[in-house]
Amino acid sequence: MTAVGGLQNIDTSNKQLLLAASSARRKYVACLEDERKKKDLGGRREERKALNDEIHELRNKKRCLQNDVDAMTASADEYAEKAEKTHQLTWIIIIITPTISNAP
C-alpha cells in the first residue's frame, strides 16, 4: 500500500467517509451479535427438544409399567378368588411365586 501512498492519502476530514466506516462497523458487530443469539437459541431449542423427548419416553415407560401392574393385580385378584372358592392354597402360591422369582 505504500506504493499508492497508503494511510497517508486517506482524507480523515471527510465526514461521509467516517460515517460510512462507523456505520459499516456497527452493522458488522450487529450481524455478529445476531448470529451469536441464533446459535444460543438453536442450542436452547435442541436442549429443550431433548428434554421433551426424554419426558415423552418416560411417560411411555410409566404407561407400560402401569399396564403391567394393572394386569398383575387383575391376575392376583382372579387367583385369590379361585383360591377362596375352591379352598385351595395352590392358587395363592401361584400368585406369590412370580413375585418371589422376580425379586432382586
C-alpha atoms as a PDB file:
ATOM      1  CA  MET A   1       0.000   0.000   0.000  1.00  0.00           C
ATOM      2  CA  THR A   2       2.921   2.350   0.441  1.00  0.00           C
ATOM      3  CA  ALA A   3       3.341   2.466  -3.338  1.00  0.00           C
ATOM      4  CA  VAL A   4      -0.016   4.210  -3.639  1.00  0.00           C
ATOM      5  CA  GLY A   5       0.515   6.345  -0.591  1.00  0.00           C
ATOM      6  CA  GLY A   6      -1.142   4.048   1.960  1.00  0.00           C
ATOM      7  CA  LEU A   7      -2.695   5.605   5.023  1.00  0.00           C
ATOM      8  CA  GLN A   8      -1.199   8.999   4.344  1.00  0.00           C
ATOM      9  CA  ASN A   9      -3.556   9.628   1.403  1.00  0.00           C
ATOM     10  CA  ILE A  10      -6.798   8.981   3.356  1.00  0.00           C
ATOM     11  CA  ASP A  11      -8.849  12.095   3.882  1.00  0.00           C
ATOM     12  CA  THR A  12      -9.800  11.926   7.572  1.00  0.00           C
ATOM     13  CA  SER A  13     -11.717  15.195   7.424  1.00  0.00           C
ATOM     14  CA  ASN A  14     -14.336  13.654   5.083  1.00  0.00           C
ATOM     15  CA  LYS A  15     -17.392  13.210   7.330  1.00  0.00           C
ATOM     16  CA  GLN A  16     -19.236  10.945   4.866  1.00  0.00           C
ATOM     17  CA  LEU A  17     -16.314   8.535   4.756  1.00  0.00           C
ATOM     18  CA  LEU A  18     -16.074   8.447   8.569  1.00  0.00           C
ATOM     19  CA  LEU A  19     -19.846   7.909   8.916  1.00  0.00           C
ATOM     20  CA  ALA A  20     -19.815   5.136   6.302  1.00  0.00           C
ATOM     21  CA  ALA A  21     -16.917   3.372   8.045  1.00  0.00           C
ATOM     22  CA  SER A  22     -18.505   3.595  11.512  1.00  0.00           C
ATOM     23  CA  SER A  23     -21.887   2.532  10.120  1.00  0.00           C
ATOM     24  CA  ALA A  24     -20.323  -0.489   8.418  1.00  0.00           C
ATOM     25  CA  ARG A  25     -18.587  -1.454  11.675  1.00  0.00           C
ATOM     26  CA  ARG A  26     -21.852  -1.181  13.630  1.00  0.00           C
ATOM     27  CA  LYS A  27     -23.656  -3.318  11.050  1.00  0.00           C
ATOM     28  CA  TYR A  28     -20.880  -5.930  11.236  1.00  0.00           C
ATOM     29  CA  VAL A  29     -20.999  -6.050  15.046  1.00  0.00           C
ATOM     30  CA  ALA A  30     -24.831  -6.248  14.952  1.00  0.00           C
ATOM     31  CA  CYS A  31     -24.640  -9.096  12.448  1.00  0.00           C
ATOM     32  CA  LEU A  32     -22.159 -10.977  14.661  1.00  0.00           C
ATOM     33  CA  GLU A  33     -24.438 -10.427  17.662  1.00  0.00           C
ATOM     34  CA  ASP A  34     -27.466 -11.747  15.735  1.00  0.00           C
ATOM     35  CA  GLU A  35     -25.543 -14.852  14.688  1.00  0.00           C
ATOM     36  CA  ARG A  36     -24.462 -15.449  18.291  1.00  0.00           C
ATOM     37  CA  LYS A  37     -28.066 -15.098  19.505  1.00  0.00           C
ATOM     38  CA  LYS A  38     -29.323 -17.504  16.819  1.00  0.00           C
ATOM     39  CA  LYS A  39     -26.676 -20.018  17.823  1.00  0.00           C
ATOM     40  CA  ASP A  40     -27.659 -19.689  21.501  1.00  0.00           C
ATOM     41  CA  LEU A  41     -31.351 -20.068  20.661  1.00  0.00           C
ATOM     42  CA  GLY A  42     -30.608 -23.076  18.464  1.00  0.00           C
ATOM     43  CA  GLY A  43     -28.718 -24.724  21.320  1.00  0.00           C
ATOM     44  CA  ARG A  44     -31.546 -23.998  23.726  1.00  0.00           C
ATOM     45  CA  ARG A  45     -34.100 -25.394  21.289  1.00  0.00           C
ATOM     46  CA  GLU A  46     -32.093 -28.586  20.874  1.00  0.00           C
ATOM     47  CA  GLU A  47     -31.748 -28.890  24.642  1.00  0.00           C
ATOM     48  CA  ARG A  48     -35.482 -28.316  25.136  1.00  0.00           C
ATOM     49  CA  LYS A  49     -36.306 -30.854  22.404  1.00  0.00           C
ATOM     50  CA  ALA A  50     -34.037 -33.441  24.041  1.00  0.00           C
ATOM     51  CA  LEU A  51     -35.771 -32.865  27.391  1.00  0.00           C
ATOM     52  CA  ASN A  52     -39.215 -33.133  25.795  1.00  0.00           C
ATOM     53  CA  ASP A  53     -38.184 -36.378  24.064  1.00  0.00           C
ATOM     54  CA  GLU A  54     -36.947 -37.782  27.367  1.00  0.00           C
ATOM     55  CA  ILE A  55     -40.179 -36.770  29.126  1.00  0.00           C
ATOM     56  CA  HIS A  56     -42.215 -38.432  26.367  1.00  0.00           C
ATOM     57  CA  GLU A  57     -40.130 -41.615  26.665  1.00  0.00           C
ATOM     58  CA  LEU A  58     -40.533 -41.683  30.458  1.00  0.00           C
ATOM     59  CA  ARG A  59     -44.295 -41.198  30.149  1.00  0.00           C
ATOM     60  CA  ASN A  60     -44.469 -44.140  27.732  1.00  0.00           C
ATOM     61  CA  LYS A  61     -42.462 -46.300  30.137  1.00  0.00           C
ATOM     62  CA  LYS A  62     -44.731 -45.256  33.008  1.00  0.00           C
ATOM     63  CA  ARG A  63     -47.795 -46.156  30.947  1.00  0.00           C
ATOM     64  CA  CYS A  64     -46.357 -49.586  30.111  1.00  0.00           C
ATOM     65  CA  LEU A  65     -45.450 -50.232  33.732  1.00  0.00           C
ATOM     66  CA  GLN A  66     -48.917 -49.167  34.867  1.00  0.00           C
ATOM     67  CA  ASN A  67     -50.462 -51.588  32.353  1.00  0.00           C
ATOM     68  CA  ASP A  68     -48.245 -54.373  33.737  1.00  0.00           C
ATOM     69  CA  VAL A  69     -49.231 -53.513  37.313  1.00  0.00           C
ATOM     70  CA  ASP A  70     -52.917 -53.484  36.379  1.00  0.00           C
ATOM     71  CA  ALA A  71     -52.606 -56.836  34.612  1.00  0.00           C
ATOM     72  CA  MET A  72     -50.759 -58.406  37.555  1.00  0.00           C
ATOM     73  CA  THR A  73     -53.301 -57.020  40.022  1.00  0.00           C
ATOM     74  CA  ALA A  74     -56.183 -58.411  37.984  1.00  0.00           C
ATOM     75  CA  SER A  75     -54.433 -61.786  37.745  1.00  0.00           C
ATOM     76  CA  ALA A  76     -53.740 -61.832  41.502  1.00  0.00           C
ATOM     77  CA  ASP A  77     -57.365 -60.968  42.222  1.00  0.00           C
ATOM     78  CA  GLU A  78     -58.524 -63.735  39.908  1.00  0.00           C
ATOM     79  CA  TYR A  79     -56.289 -66.326  41.582  1.00  0.00           C
ATOM     80  CA  ALA A  80     -57.340 -65.132  45.035  1.00  0.00           C
ATOM     81  CA  GLU A  81     -60.996 -65.565  44.112  1.00  0.00           C
ATOM     82  CA  LYS A  82     -60.285 -69.059  42.769  1.00  0.00           C
ATOM     83  CA  ALA A  83     -58.438 -69.943  45.983  1.00  0.00           C
ATOM     84  CA  GLU A  84     -61.314 -68.623  48.048  1.00  0.00           C
ATOM     85  CA  LYS A  85     -63.949 -70.536  46.065  1.00  0.00           C
ATOM     86  CA  THR A  86     -62.085 -73.842  45.869  1.00  0.00           C
ATOM     87  CA  HIS A  87     -60.375 -73.605  49.278  1.00  0.00           C
ATOM     88  CA  GLN A  88     -57.015 -74.463  47.688  1.00  0.00           C
ATOM     89  CA  LEU A  89     -53.816 -72.667  48.659  1.00  0.00           C
ATOM     90  CA  THR A  90     -52.156 -73.593  45.364  1.00  0.00           C
ATOM     91  CA  TRP A  91     -53.774 -70.548  43.737  1.00  0.00           C
ATOM     92  CA  ILE A  92     -52.205 -68.303  46.388  1.00  0.00           C
ATOM     93  CA  ILE A  93     -48.822 -69.958  45.744  1.00  0.00           C
ATOM     94  CA  ILE A  94     -49.227 -69.181  42.024  1.00  0.00           C
ATOM     95  CA  ILE A  95     -49.780 -65.528  42.934  1.00  0.00           C
ATOM     96  CA  ILE A  96     -46.708 -65.334  45.190  1.00  0.00           C
ATOM     97  CA  THR A  97     -44.251 -67.394  43.058  1.00  0.00           C
ATOM     98  CA  PRO A  98     -43.687 -64.865  40.211  1.00  0.00           C
ATOM     99  CA  THR A  99     -43.180 -62.127  42.776  1.00  0.00           C
ATOM    100  CA  ILE A 100     -40.522 -64.114  44.608  1.00  0.00           C
ATOM    101  CA  SER A 101     -38.723 -65.219  41.444  1.00  0.00           C
ATOM    102  CA  ASN A 102     -38.540 -61.621  40.131  1.00  0.00           C
ATOM    103  CA  ALA A 103     -37.309 -60.135  43.422  1.00  0.00           C
ATOM    104  CA  PRO A 104     -33.816 -58.564  43.300  1.00  0.00           C
END
